[in-house]
PDB file of N, CA and C in Angstrom:
ATOM      1  N   MET A   1      55.762  92.747  94.826  1.00  0.00           N
ATOM      2  CA  MET A   1      56.504  94.107  94.946  1.00  0.00           C
ATOM      3  C   MET A   1      55.934  94.529  92.738  1.00  0.00           C
ATOM      4  N   PRO A   2      55.498  95.599  92.631  1.00  0.00           N
ATOM      5  CA  PRO A   2      55.558  95.943  91.395  1.00  0.00           C
ATOM      6  C   PRO A   2      56.841  96.072  90.622  1.00  0.00           C
ATOM      7  N   ARG A   3      56.574  95.979  89.676  1.00  0.00           N
ATOM      8  CA  ARG A   3      57.680  95.580  88.359  1.00  0.00           C
ATOM      9  C   ARG A   3      57.173  96.668  86.936  1.00  0.00           C
ATOM     10  N   ILE A   4      57.798  97.865  86.546  1.00  0.00           N
ATOM     11  CA  ILE A   4      57.815  98.733  85.608  1.00  0.00           C
ATOM     12  C   ILE A   4      59.236  98.516  85.077  1.00  0.00           C
ATOM     13  N   ALA A   5      58.898  98.578  83.963  1.00  0.00           N
ATOM     14  CA  ALA A   5      60.088  98.952  82.647  1.00  0.00           C
ATOM     15  C   ALA A   5      61.336  97.900  83.145  1.00  0.00           C
ATOM     16  N   GLY A   6      60.939  96.947  84.054  1.00  0.00           N
ATOM     17  CA  GLY A   6      62.052  95.820  84.464  1.00  0.00           C
ATOM     18  C   GLY A   6      62.747  96.030  85.425  1.00  0.00           C
ATOM     19  N   VAL A   7      62.210  97.130  86.784  1.00  0.00           N
ATOM     20  CA  VAL A   7      62.760  97.526  87.820  1.00  0.00           C
ATOM     21  C   VAL A   7      61.796  97.013  88.848  1.00  0.00           C
ATOM     22  N   ASP A   8      61.975  96.261  89.785  1.00  0.00           N
ATOM     23  CA  ASP A   8      61.605  96.592  90.977  1.00  0.00           C
ATOM     24  C   ASP A   8      61.405  98.120  91.745  1.00  0.00           C
ATOM     25  N   ILE A   9      60.046  98.299  91.605  1.00  0.00           N
ATOM     26  CA  ILE A   9      59.405  99.658  92.303  1.00  0.00           C
ATOM     27  C   ILE A   9      59.228  99.633  93.868  1.00  0.00           C
ATOM     28  N   PRO A  10      59.290 100.524  95.039  1.00  0.00           N
ATOM     29  CA  PRO A  10      58.632 100.317  96.125  1.00  0.00           C
ATOM     30  C   PRO A  10      57.516 100.271  96.623  1.00  0.00           C
ATOM     31  N   GLU A  11      57.168  99.528  96.784  1.00  0.00           N
ATOM     32  CA  GLU A  11      55.467  99.444  96.804  1.00  0.00           C
ATOM     33  C   GLU A  11      54.884 100.567  97.972  1.00  0.00           C
ATOM     34  N   LYS A  12      55.941 100.599  99.157  1.00  0.00           N
ATOM     35  CA  LYS A  12      55.301 101.239 100.114  1.00  0.00           C
ATOM     36  C   LYS A  12      55.173 102.989 100.057  1.00  0.00           C
ATOM     37  N   LYS A  13      55.862 103.322  99.193  1.00  0.00           N
ATOM     38  CA  LYS A  13      56.337 104.971  98.797  1.00  0.00           C
ATOM     39  C   LYS A  13      55.391 105.544  97.800  1.00  0.00           C
ATOM     40  N   LYS A  14      54.949 106.452  97.583  1.00  0.00           N
ATOM     41  CA  LYS A  14      54.056 107.059  96.756  1.00  0.00           C
ATOM     42  C   LYS A  14      54.283 106.486  94.989  1.00  0.00           C
ATOM     43  N   ILE A  15      53.406 106.751  94.554  1.00  0.00           N
ATOM     44  CA  ILE A  15      53.844 106.203  93.035  1.00  0.00           C
ATOM     45  C   ILE A  15      54.726 107.251  92.513  1.00  0.00           C
ATOM     46  N   ILE A  16      54.605 108.782  92.688  1.00  0.00           N
ATOM     47  CA  ILE A  16      55.684 109.547  91.825  1.00  0.00           C
ATOM     48  C   ILE A  16      56.841 109.483  92.396  1.00  0.00           C
ATOM     49  N   VAL A  17      57.162 108.771  93.759  1.00  0.00           N
ATOM     50  CA  VAL A  17      58.239 108.688  93.758  1.00  0.00           C
ATOM     51  C   VAL A  17      58.997 107.268  93.728  1.00  0.00           C
ATOM     52  N   SER A  18      58.177 106.446  93.807  1.00  0.00           N
ATOM     53  CA  SER A  18      58.272 104.681  93.160  1.00  0.00           C
ATOM     54  C   SER A  18      59.188 104.937  91.766  1.00  0.00           C
ATOM     55  N   LEU A  19      57.993 105.628  91.515  1.00  0.00           N
ATOM     56  CA  LEU A  19      58.436 105.800  89.449  1.00  0.00           C
ATOM     57  C   LEU A  19      60.021 106.497  89.200  1.00  0.00           C
ATOM     58  N   GLN A  20      60.900 106.753  89.940  1.00  0.00           N
ATOM     59  CA  GLN A  20      61.609 107.213  89.996  1.00  0.00           C
ATOM     60  C   GLN A  20      62.810 106.758  89.968  1.00  0.00           C
ATOM     61  N   TYR A  21      62.987 105.282  90.640  1.00  0.00           N
ATOM     62  CA  TYR A  21      63.599 104.148  90.934  1.00  0.00           C
ATOM     63  C   TYR A  21      63.877 103.902  89.811  1.00  0.00           C
ATOM     64  N   VAL A  22      63.254 104.251  88.407  1.00  0.00           N
ATOM     65  CA  VAL A  22      63.720 103.513  87.063  1.00  0.00           C
ATOM     66  C   VAL A  22      64.464 104.748  86.547  1.00  0.00           C
ATOM     67  N   HIS A  23      65.437 104.282  86.053  1.00  0.00           N
ATOM     68  CA  HIS A  23      66.586 105.105  85.635  1.00  0.00           C
ATOM     69  C   HIS A  23      66.161 105.618  84.205  1.00  0.00           C
ATOM     70  N   GLY A  24      66.205 107.001  84.020  1.00  0.00           N
ATOM     71  CA  GLY A  24      65.831 107.664  83.313  1.00  0.00           C
ATOM     72  C   GLY A  24      64.249 108.523  83.101  1.00  0.00           C
ATOM     73  N   ILE A  25      63.850 108.423  84.624  1.00  0.00           N
ATOM     74  CA  ILE A  25      62.973 108.932  85.005  1.00  0.00           C
ATOM     75  C   ILE A  25      62.840 109.747  86.006  1.00  0.00           C
ATOM     76  N   GLY A  26      62.698 110.940  86.043  1.00  0.00           N
ATOM     77  CA  GLY A  26      62.747 112.191  87.027  1.00  0.00           C
ATOM     78  C   GLY A  26      61.424 112.366  87.468  1.00  0.00           C
ATOM     79  N   GLN A  27      61.452 113.527  88.438  1.00  0.00           N
ATOM     80  CA  GLN A  27      60.247 114.006  89.058  1.00  0.00           C
ATOM     81  C   GLN A  27      59.106 114.976  87.674  1.00  0.00           C
ATOM     82  N   LYS A  28      60.264 115.830  87.441  1.00  0.00           N
ATOM     83  CA  LYS A  28      58.966 115.903  85.810  1.00  0.00           C
ATOM     84  C   LYS A  28      58.508 114.861  85.439  1.00  0.00           C
ATOM     85  N   VAL A  29      59.147 113.941  84.172  1.00  0.00           N
ATOM     86  CA  VAL A  29      58.467 112.592  83.777  1.00  0.00           C
ATOM     87  C   VAL A  29      58.040 111.987  84.429  1.00  0.00           C
ATOM     88  N   ALA A  30      58.312 111.475  85.546  1.00  0.00           N
ATOM     89  CA  ALA A  30      57.206 110.760  86.497  1.00  0.00           C
ATOM     90  C   ALA A  30      55.762 111.549  86.665  1.00  0.00           C
ATOM     91  N   THR A  31      55.817 112.660  87.373  1.00  0.00           N
ATOM     92  CA  THR A  31      54.268 113.877  87.019  1.00  0.00           C
ATOM     93  C   THR A  31      53.315 113.772  85.624  1.00  0.00           C
ATOM     94  N   ASP A  32      54.410 113.809  84.305  1.00  0.00           N
ATOM     95  CA  ASP A  32      54.188 113.697  83.128  1.00  0.00           C
ATOM     96  C   ASP A  32      53.081 112.696  83.152  1.00  0.00           C
ATOM     97  N   ILE A  33      53.868 111.574  83.201  1.00  0.00           N
ATOM     98  CA  ILE A  33      53.046 109.846  83.253  1.00  0.00           C
ATOM     99  C   ILE A  33      52.086 109.538  84.079  1.00  0.00           C
ATOM    100  N   LEU A  34      51.888 110.318  85.138  1.00  0.00           N
ATOM    101  CA  LEU A  34      51.265 109.697  85.993  1.00  0.00           C
ATOM    102  C   LEU A  34      49.739 110.877  85.684  1.00  0.00           C
ATOM    103  N   GLY A  35      50.212 112.010  84.916  1.00  0.00           N
ATOM    104  CA  GLY A  35      49.050 112.844  84.446  1.00  0.00           C
ATOM    105  C   GLY A  35      48.717 111.988  82.892  1.00  0.00           C
ATOM    106  N   LYS A  36      49.093 112.030  82.539  1.00  0.00           N
ATOM    107  CA  LYS A  36      48.692 111.119  81.108  1.00  0.00           C
ATOM    108  C   LYS A  36      47.298 110.178  81.206  1.00  0.00           C
ATOM    109  N   CYS A  37      47.996 109.429  82.202  1.00  0.00           N
ATOM    110  CA  CYS A  37      47.444 107.737  83.055  1.00  0.00           C
ATOM    111  C   CYS A  37      46.410 108.284  83.636  1.00  0.00           C
ATOM    112  N   GLY A  38      46.137 109.310  84.334  1.00  0.00           N
ATOM    113  CA  GLY A  38      44.969 109.974  85.246  1.00  0.00           C
ATOM    114  C   GLY A  38      45.174 109.171  86.224  1.00  0.00           C
ATOM    115  N   ILE A  39      46.536 108.785  87.282  1.00  0.00           N
ATOM    116  CA  ILE A  39      46.563 108.519  88.517  1.00  0.00           C
ATOM    117  C   ILE A  39      47.169 109.633  89.520  1.00  0.00           C
ATOM    118  N   ASP A  40      46.520 109.555  90.599  1.00  0.00           N
ATOM    119  CA  ASP A  40      46.784 110.098  91.671  1.00  0.00           C
ATOM    120  C   ASP A  40      48.038 110.144  92.258  1.00  0.00           C
ATOM    121  N   PRO A  41      49.206 110.966  91.984  1.00  0.00           N
ATOM    122  CA  PRO A  41      50.321 110.953  92.795  1.00  0.00           C
ATOM    123  C   PRO A  41      51.002 110.680  94.229  1.00  0.00           C
ATOM    124  N   ASP A  42      50.015 110.737  94.510  1.00  0.00           N
ATOM    125  CA  ASP A  42      49.536 110.604  96.095  1.00  0.00           C
ATOM    126  C   ASP A  42      49.561 109.324  96.579  1.00  0.00           C
ATOM    127  N   ARG A  43      49.149 108.225  95.650  1.00  0.00           N
ATOM    128  CA  ARG A  43      48.105 107.178  95.825  1.00  0.00           C
ATOM    129  C   ARG A  43      50.136 106.434  96.280  1.00  0.00           C
ATOM    130  N   ARG A  44      49.843 105.323  97.207  1.00  0.00           N
ATOM    131  CA  ARG A  44      50.778 104.169  97.167  1.00  0.00           C
ATOM    132  C   ARG A  44      51.131 103.545  95.855  1.00  0.00           C
ATOM    133  N   ALA A  45      51.773 102.763  96.103  1.00  0.00           N
ATOM    134  CA  ALA A  45      52.405 102.120  94.939  1.00  0.00           C
ATOM    135  C   ALA A  45      51.309 100.355  94.805  1.00  0.00           C
ATOM    136  N   HIS A  46      51.622 100.247  96.519  1.00  0.00           N
ATOM    137  CA  HIS A  46      50.932  98.868  96.270  1.00  0.00           C
ATOM    138  C   HIS A  46      49.525  99.293  96.108  1.00  0.00           C
ATOM    139  N   THR A  47      48.540 100.029  96.656  1.00  0.00           N
ATOM    140  CA  THR A  47      47.410 100.345  96.189  1.00  0.00           C
ATOM    141  C   THR A  47      46.916 100.327  94.189  1.00  0.00           C
ATOM    142  N   LEU A  48      47.422 100.333  93.578  1.00  0.00           N
ATOM    143  CA  LEU A  48      47.325 100.393  92.291  1.00  0.00           C
ATOM    144  C   LEU A  48      47.242  98.757  92.217  1.00  0.00           C
ATOM    145  N   ASN A  49      46.210  99.069  90.886  1.00  0.00           N
ATOM    146  CA  ASN A  49      45.571  97.661  90.405  1.00  0.00           C
ATOM    147  C   ASN A  49      46.730  97.312  89.318  1.00  0.00           C
ATOM    148  N   ASP A  50      46.348  96.084  88.539  1.00  0.00           N
ATOM    149  CA  ASP A  50      47.324  95.471  87.312  1.00  0.00           C
ATOM    150  C   ASP A  50      46.897  96.478  86.189  1.00  0.00           C
ATOM    151  N   GLN A  51      45.569  97.335  85.796  1.00  0.00           N
ATOM    152  CA  GLN A  51      45.138  98.180  84.616  1.00  0.00           C
ATOM    153  C   GLN A  51      46.187  99.114  84.950  1.00  0.00           C
ATOM    154  N   GLU A  52      45.990  99.866  86.019  1.00  0.00           N
ATOM    155  CA  GLU A  52      47.029 100.826  86.361  1.00  0.00           C
ATOM    156  C   GLU A  52      48.410 100.841  86.240  1.00  0.00           C
ATOM    157  N   LEU A  53      48.879  99.894  86.370  1.00  0.00           N
ATOM    158  CA  LEU A  53      50.300  99.494  86.454  1.00  0.00           C
ATOM    159  C   LEU A  53      50.449  99.187  85.203  1.00  0.00           C
ATOM    160  N   ALA A  54      49.796  98.515  83.718  1.00  0.00           N
ATOM    161  CA  ALA A  54      50.003  98.466  82.616  1.00  0.00           C
ATOM    162  C   ALA A  54      49.859  99.558  82.052  1.00  0.00           C
ATOM    163  N   ALA A  55      49.008 100.563  81.871  1.00  0.00           N
ATOM    164  CA  ALA A  55      48.436 101.597  81.643  1.00  0.00           C
ATOM    165  C   ALA A  55      50.014 102.528  82.076  1.00  0.00           C
ATOM    166  N   ILE A  56      51.089 102.686  83.355  1.00  0.00           N
ATOM    167  CA  ILE A  56      52.302 102.941  83.025  1.00  0.00           C
ATOM    168  C   ILE A  56      52.985 102.616  82.507  1.00  0.00           C
ATOM    169  N   ALA A  57      53.018 101.068  82.745  1.00  0.00           N
ATOM    170  CA  ALA A  57      54.235 100.717  81.475  1.00  0.00           C
ATOM    171  C   ALA A  57      53.845 100.775  80.562  1.00  0.00           C
ATOM    172  N   ALA A  58      52.568 101.201  79.388  1.00  0.00           N
ATOM    173  CA  ALA A  58      52.760 101.187  78.334  1.00  0.00           C
ATOM    174  C   ALA A  58      53.087 102.364  77.810  1.00  0.00           C
ATOM    175  N   GLU A  59      52.922 103.178  79.093  1.00  0.00           N
ATOM    176  CA  GLU A  59      53.019 104.771  78.637  1.00  0.00           C
ATOM    177  C   GLU A  59      54.469 104.848  78.439  1.00  0.00           C
ATOM    178  N   ILE A  60      55.283 104.246  79.323  1.00  0.00           N
ATOM    179  CA  ILE A  60      56.497 104.700  79.738  1.00  0.00           C
ATOM    180  C   ILE A  60      57.394 104.044  78.287  1.00  0.00           C
ATOM    181  N   ASP A  61      57.100 102.651  77.597  1.00  0.00           N
ATOM    182  CA  ASP A  61      57.398 102.302  76.713  1.00  0.00           C
ATOM    183  C   ASP A  61      57.428 102.771  75.427  1.00  0.00           C
ATOM    184  N   GLU A  62      55.892 103.508  75.206  1.00  0.00           N
ATOM    185  CA  GLU A  62      55.858 104.304  74.107  1.00  0.00           C
ATOM    186  C   GLU A  62      56.251 105.246  73.813  1.00  0.00           C
ATOM    187  N   SER A  63      56.461 106.061  74.990  1.00  0.00           N
ATOM    188  CA  SER A  63      57.806 107.483  74.641  1.00  0.00           C
ATOM    189  C   SER A  63      57.995 108.023  75.597  1.00  0.00           C
ATOM    190  N   HIS A  64      59.351 107.002  75.891  1.00  0.00           N
ATOM    191  CA  HIS A  64      59.976 107.429  77.296  1.00  0.00           C
ATOM    192  C   HIS A  64      61.510 106.463  76.836  1.00  0.00           C
ATOM    193  N   LEU A  65      62.779 106.637  76.841  1.00  0.00           N
ATOM    194  CA  LEU A  65      63.924 105.997  76.982  1.00  0.00           C
ATOM    195  C   LEU A  65      64.267 105.769  78.475  1.00  0.00           C
ATOM    196  N   VAL A  66      64.029 104.612  78.677  1.00  0.00           N
ATOM    197  CA  VAL A  66      64.633 104.058  80.224  1.00  0.00           C
ATOM    198  C   VAL A  66      65.345 103.171  80.478  1.00  0.00           C
ATOM    199  N   GLU A  67      66.099 103.289  81.033  1.00  0.00           N
ATOM    200  CA  GLU A  67      67.372 101.974  81.686  1.00  0.00           C
ATOM    201  C   GLU A  67      68.495 101.389  80.472  1.00  0.00           C
ATOM    202  N   GLY A  68      68.065 100.271  80.501  1.00  0.00           N
ATOM    203  CA  GLY A  68      69.389  99.706  79.171  1.00  0.00           C
ATOM    204  C   GLY A  68      69.476 100.550  78.450  1.00  0.00           C
ATOM    205  N   ALA A  69      68.439 100.680  77.511  1.00  0.00           N
ATOM    206  CA  ALA A  69      68.251 101.721  76.016  1.00  0.00           C
ATOM    207  C   ALA A  69      68.985 102.900  76.239  1.00  0.00           C
ATOM    208  N   LEU A  70      68.579 103.776  77.498  1.00  0.00           N
ATOM    209  CA  LEU A  70      69.071 104.947  77.571  1.00  0.00           C
ATOM    210  C   LEU A  70      70.609 105.136  78.312  1.00  0.00           C
ATOM    211  N   ARG A  71      70.839 103.906  78.938  1.00  0.00           N
ATOM    212  CA  ARG A  71      72.421 103.686  79.613  1.00  0.00           C
ATOM    213  C   ARG A  71      73.437 103.325  78.401  1.00  0.00           C
ATOM    214  N   ARG A  72      72.592 102.138  77.059  1.00  0.00           N
ATOM    215  CA  ARG A  72      73.284 102.432  75.860  1.00  0.00           C
ATOM    216  C   ARG A  72      73.639 103.875  75.012  1.00  0.00           C
ATOM    217  N   GLN A  73      72.713 104.346  75.040  1.00  0.00           N
ATOM    218  CA  GLN A  73      73.057 105.604  74.577  1.00  0.00           C
ATOM    219  C   GLN A  73      73.700 106.899  74.844  1.00  0.00           C
ATOM    220  N   VAL A  74      73.811 106.823  76.248  1.00  0.00           N
ATOM    221  CA  VAL A  74      74.634 107.664  76.933  1.00  0.00           C
ATOM    222  C   VAL A  74      76.286 107.073  76.654  1.00  0.00           C
ATOM    223  N   GLN A  75      76.352 105.944  76.646  1.00  0.00           N
ATOM    224  CA  GLN A  75      77.654 105.130  76.204  1.00  0.00           C
ATOM    225  C   GLN A  75      78.030 105.525  75.198  1.00  0.00           C
ATOM    226  N   THR A  76      77.258 105.308  74.151  1.00  0.00           N
ATOM    227  CA  THR A  76      77.606 105.486  72.579  1.00  0.00           C
ATOM    228  C   THR A  76      77.960 107.099  72.168  1.00  0.00           C
ATOM    229  N   GLN A  77      76.952 107.479  72.852  1.00  0.00           N
ATOM    230  CA  GLN A  77      77.349 109.268  72.773  1.00  0.00           C
ATOM    231  C   GLN A  77      78.850 109.100  73.313  1.00  0.00           C
ATOM    232  N   ILE A  78      79.322 109.220  74.730  1.00  0.00           N
ATOM    233  CA  ILE A  78      80.365 109.458  75.283  1.00  0.00           C
ATOM    234  C   ILE A  78      81.608 108.564  74.429  1.00  0.00           C
ATOM    235  N   GLN A  79      81.767 107.735  73.790  1.00  0.00           N
ATOM    236  CA  GLN A  79      82.311 106.928  72.912  1.00  0.00           C
ATOM    237  C   GLN A  79      82.729 107.939  71.633  1.00  0.00           C
ATOM    238  N   ARG A  80      81.680 108.274  70.729  1.00  0.00           N
ATOM    239  CA  ARG A  80      81.579 109.007  69.683  1.00  0.00           C
ATOM    240  C   ARG A  80      82.289 110.469  70.518  1.00  0.00           C
ATOM    241  N   LEU A  81      82.221 111.261  71.570  1.00  0.00           N
ATOM    242  CA  LEU A  81      83.009 112.223  71.976  1.00  0.00           C
ATOM    243  C   LEU A  81      84.981 111.738  71.836  1.00  0.00           C
ATOM    244  N   LYS A  82      84.806 111.053  72.700  1.00  0.00           N
ATOM    245  CA  LYS A  82      86.432 109.781  72.566  1.00  0.00           C
ATOM    246  C   LYS A  82      87.256 110.127  71.538  1.00  0.00           C
ATOM    247  N   GLU A  83      86.514 109.308  70.602  1.00  0.00           N
ATOM    248  CA  GLU A  83      86.493 108.515  69.044  1.00  0.00           C
ATOM    249  C   GLU A  83      86.933 110.474  68.337  1.00  0.00           C
ATOM    250  N   ILE A  84      86.275 111.166  67.981  1.00  0.00           N
ATOM    251  CA  ILE A  84      86.585 112.562  67.676  1.00  0.00           C
ATOM    252  C   ILE A  84      87.237 113.773  68.375  1.00  0.00           C
ATOM    253  N   HIS A  85      87.974 112.881  69.506  1.00  0.00           N
ATOM    254  CA  HIS A  85      88.864 113.490  70.278  1.00  0.00           C
ATOM    255  C   HIS A  85      88.443 115.179  70.803  1.00  0.00           C
ATOM    256  N   SER A  86      87.090 115.140  71.420  1.00  0.00           N
ATOM    257  CA  SER A  86      86.786 116.288  71.336  1.00  0.00           C
ATOM    258  C   SER A  86      87.418 116.954  72.721  1.00  0.00           C
ATOM    259  N   TYR A  87      87.217 118.156  73.213  1.00  0.00           N
ATOM    260  CA  TYR A  87      87.695 118.223  74.615  1.00  0.00           C
ATOM    261  C   TYR A  87      87.217 117.443  75.607  1.00  0.00           C
ATOM    262  N   ARG A  88      85.499 117.101  75.664  1.00  0.00           N
ATOM    263  CA  ARG A  88      84.802 116.868  76.638  1.00  0.00           C
ATOM    264  C   ARG A  88      85.069 115.104  76.585  1.00  0.00           C
ATOM    265  N   GLY A  89      85.371 114.307  75.590  1.00  0.00           N
ATOM    266  CA  GLY A  89      85.895 113.681  75.364  1.00  0.00           C
ATOM    267  C   GLY A  89      87.306 113.182  75.807  1.00  0.00           C
ATOM    268  N   ASP A  90      88.007 113.961  75.771  1.00  0.00           N
ATOM    269  CA  ASP A  90      89.272 113.626  76.483  1.00  0.00           C
ATOM    270  C   ASP A  90      89.291 113.913  77.765  1.00  0.00           C
ATOM    271  N   ARG A  91      88.468 114.452  78.457  1.00  0.00           N
ATOM    272  CA  ARG A  91      88.100 114.635  79.846  1.00  0.00           C
ATOM    273  C   ARG A  91      87.809 113.279  80.469  1.00  0.00           C
ATOM    274  N   HIS A  92      86.427 112.818  79.697  1.00  0.00           N
ATOM    275  CA  HIS A  92      85.880 111.225  79.910  1.00  0.00           C
ATOM    276  C   HIS A  92      87.066 110.616  79.961  1.00  0.00           C
ATOM    277  N   ARG A  93      87.859 110.533  79.068  1.00  0.00           N
ATOM    278  CA  ARG A  93      88.822 109.405  78.726  1.00  0.00           C
ATOM    279  C   ARG A  93      90.302 109.750  79.927  1.00  0.00           C
ATOM    280  N   LYS A  94      90.813 111.135  80.586  1.00  0.00           N
ATOM    281  CA  LYS A  94      91.272 110.660  81.720  1.00  0.00           C
ATOM    282  C   LYS A  94      90.426 110.874  83.100  1.00  0.00           C
ATOM    283  N   GLY A  95      89.366 110.652  82.892  1.00  0.00           N
ATOM    284  CA  GLY A  95      88.365 110.646  84.080  1.00  0.00           C
ATOM    285  C   GLY A  95      88.987 111.609  84.826  1.00  0.00           C
ATOM    286  N   LEU A  96      88.269 113.141  84.330  1.00  0.00           N
ATOM    287  CA  LEU A  96      88.074 114.135  84.751  1.00  0.00           C
ATOM    288  C   LEU A  96      86.550 114.766  84.358  1.00  0.00           C
ATOM    289  N   PRO A  97      86.422 115.839  85.102  1.00  0.00           N
ATOM    290  CA  PRO A  97      85.317 116.237  85.306  1.00  0.00           C
ATOM    291  C   PRO A  97      85.029 116.827  83.690  1.00  0.00           C
ATOM    292  N   ALA A  98      84.236 116.360  83.031  1.00  0.00           N
ATOM    293  CA  ALA A  98      84.093 117.181  81.998  1.00  0.00           C
ATOM    294  C   ALA A  98      83.113 118.535  81.570  1.00  0.00           C
ATOM    295  N   ARG A  99      82.239 119.393  82.404  1.00  0.00           N
ATOM    296  CA  ARG A  99      81.884 119.983  82.278  1.00  0.00           C
ATOM    297  C   ARG A  99      82.329 121.698  83.099  1.00  0.00           C
ATOM    298  N   GLY A 100      83.501 121.794  83.594  1.00  0.00           N
ATOM    299  CA  GLY A 100      84.494 122.799  83.058  1.00  0.00           C
ATOM    300  C   GLY A 100      84.415 122.929  85.032  1.00  0.00           C
ATOM    301  N   GLN A 101      84.059 122.081  85.679  1.00  0.00           N
ATOM    302  CA  GLN A 101      84.314 122.504  87.082  1.00  0.00           C
ATOM    303  C   GLN A 101      86.032 122.250  87.488  1.00  0.00           C
ATOM    304  N   ARG A 102      86.296 122.924  88.846  1.00  0.00           N
ATOM    305  CA  ARG A 102      88.098 122.955  89.504  1.00  0.00           C
ATOM    306  C   ARG A 102      88.140 122.031  89.793  1.00  0.00           C
ATOM    307  N   THR A 103      89.583 121.366  89.265  1.00  0.00           N
ATOM    308  CA  THR A 103      89.950 120.323  89.705  1.00  0.00           C
ATOM    309  C   THR A 103      90.877 120.282  91.049  1.00  0.00           C
ATOM    310  N   ARG A 104      91.894 121.561  90.638  1.00  0.00           N
ATOM    311  CA  ARG A 104      92.425 122.051  92.397  1.00  0.00           C
ATOM    312  C   ARG A 104      92.154 121.276  93.268  1.00  0.00           C
ATOM    313  N   THR A 105      91.040 121.921  93.368  1.00  0.00           N
ATOM    314  CA  THR A 105      90.477 120.617  95.105  1.00  0.00           C
ATOM    315  C   THR A 105      89.495 120.141  94.710  1.00  0.00           C
ATOM    316  N   ASN A 106      88.850 119.644  95.069  1.00  0.00           N
ATOM    317  CA  ASN A 106      87.226 118.986  94.796  1.00  0.00           C
ATOM    318  C   ASN A 106      87.341 117.517  93.900  1.00  0.00           C
ATOM    319  N   SER A 107      86.492 117.533  92.748  1.00  0.00           N
ATOM    320  CA  SER A 107      86.135 116.602  92.128  1.00  0.00           C
ATOM    321  C   SER A 107      86.977 115.018  92.052  1.00  0.00           C
ATOM    322  N   ARG A 108      86.850 114.842  93.672  1.00  0.00           N
ATOM    323  CA  ARG A 108      87.341 113.237  94.180  1.00  0.00           C
ATOM    324  C   ARG A 108      86.327 112.577  93.553  1.00  0.00           C
ATOM    325  N   THR A 109      85.132 112.587  93.545  1.00  0.00           N
ATOM    326  CA  THR A 109      84.312 111.532  92.845  1.00  0.00           C
ATOM    327  C   THR A 109      84.702 111.193  91.580  1.00  0.00           C
ATOM    328  N   ARG A 110      85.259 112.062  90.320  1.00  0.00           N
ATOM    329  CA  ARG A 110      85.954 111.757  89.377  1.00  0.00           C
ATOM    330  C   ARG A 110      87.309 111.435  89.170  1.00  0.00           C
ATOM    331  N   LYS A 111      88.554 111.714  90.116  1.00  0.00           N
ATOM    332  CA  LYS A 111      89.506 111.284  89.868  1.00  0.00           C
ATOM    333  C   LYS A 111      89.548 110.229  90.634  1.00  0.00           C
ATOM    334  N   GLY A 112      88.999 109.707  91.694  1.00  0.00           N
ATOM    335  CA  GLY A 112      89.255 108.694  92.863  1.00  0.00           C
ATOM    336  C   GLY A 112      90.060 109.192  94.055  1.00  0.00           C
ATOM    337  N   ARG A 113      90.376 107.906  94.897  1.00  0.00           N
ATOM    338  CA  ARG A 113      90.800 108.345  96.286  1.00  0.00           C
ATOM    339  C   ARG A 113      92.044 109.578  95.630  1.00  0.00           C
ATOM    340  N   LYS A 114      92.823 110.219  96.879  1.00  0.00           N
ATOM    341  CA  LYS A 114      94.005 111.261  96.840  1.00  0.00           C
ATOM    342  C   LYS A 114      95.216 110.147  96.578  1.00  0.00           C
ATOM    343  N   LYS A 115      95.614 110.087  95.378  1.00  0.00           N
ATOM    344  CA  LYS A 115      97.529 109.518  95.697  1.00  0.00           C
ATOM    345  C   LYS A 115      98.508 110.496  95.952  1.00  0.00           C
ATOM    346  N   THR A 116      99.082 110.161  97.213  1.00  0.00           N
ATOM    347  CA  THR A 116      99.871 110.845  97.872  1.00  0.00           C
ATOM    348  C   THR A 116     101.369 110.699  97.068  1.00  0.00           C
ATOM    349  N   VAL A 117     101.665 112.011  96.655  1.00  0.00           N
ATOM    350  CA  VAL A 117     103.158 111.726  95.487  1.00  0.00           C
ATOM    351  C   VAL A 117     104.346 112.943  96.960  1.00  0.00           C
ATOM    352  N   ALA A 118     105.202 111.782  96.535  1.00  0.00           N
ATOM    353  CA  ALA A 118     106.477 112.616  97.423  1.00  0.00           C
ATOM    354  C   ALA A 118     106.803 113.574  97.277  1.00  0.00           C
ATOM    355  N   GLY A 119     106.831 114.535  98.768  1.00  0.00           N
ATOM    356  CA  GLY A 119     107.034 115.804  98.794  1.00  0.00           C
ATOM    357  C   GLY A 119     108.633 116.002  98.709  1.00  0.00           C
ATOM    358  N   LYS A 120     108.641 117.169  98.806  1.00  0.00           N
ATOM    359  CA  LYS A 120     110.220 117.925  98.889  1.00  0.00           C
ATOM    360  C   LYS A 120     110.474 118.654 100.069  1.00  0.00           C
ATOM    361  N   LYS A 121     110.102 117.851 101.403  1.00  0.00           N
ATOM    362  CA  LYS A 121     110.004 117.782 102.594  1.00  0.00           C
ATOM    363  C   LYS A 121     111.503 117.769 102.714  1.00  0.00           C
ATOM    364  N   GLY A 122     112.403 116.925 103.114  1.00  0.00           N
ATOM    365  CA  GLY A 122     113.981 116.868 103.045  1.00  0.00           C
ATOM    366  C   GLY A 122     115.029 117.475 102.419  1.00  0.00           C
ATOM    367  N   VAL A 123     114.280 118.021 101.395  1.00  0.00           N
ATOM    368  CA  VAL A 123     114.920 118.808 100.415  1.00  0.00           C
ATOM    369  C   VAL A 123     115.184 119.956 100.887  1.00  0.00           C
ATOM    370  N   LYS A 124     116.857 120.737 100.954  1.00  0.00           N
ATOM    371  CA  LYS A 124     117.317 121.359 101.522  1.00  0.00           C
ATOM    372  C   LYS A 124     118.066 122.538 100.465  1.00  0.00           C
ATOM    373  N   GLY A 125     117.958 123.851 100.536  1.00  0.00           N
ATOM    374  CA  GLY A 125     118.102 124.364  99.021  1.00  0.00           C
ATOM    375  C   GLY A 125     119.196 125.352  99.270  1.00  0.00           C
TER     376      GLY A 125
END
């Protein structure tokens, strides 16, 4: 199984899809990398030789922030927002959506499972 940027990429898939298994590489970046290396995006990952894999790895290392370094950078940026008490930082701290989405319904991904609150069913006025 080929390894690029410390990640095992699937060998049966096309190389353009396999590259997207690396955190920080999407479709556009994968296309750009393969274009610079002169590799056909429709080739399967297991058909690449060591020289082509090394060229892809070198291109990623020199011009793209991926995997651990990218995750660290994102975490430090979020931490900075929290420290300066910005609105976005407060939303991150509370575990709520930070980009203006509604929270009355939806946003279960950020908020987690429903927490049922005791209702007023039995109260009569």
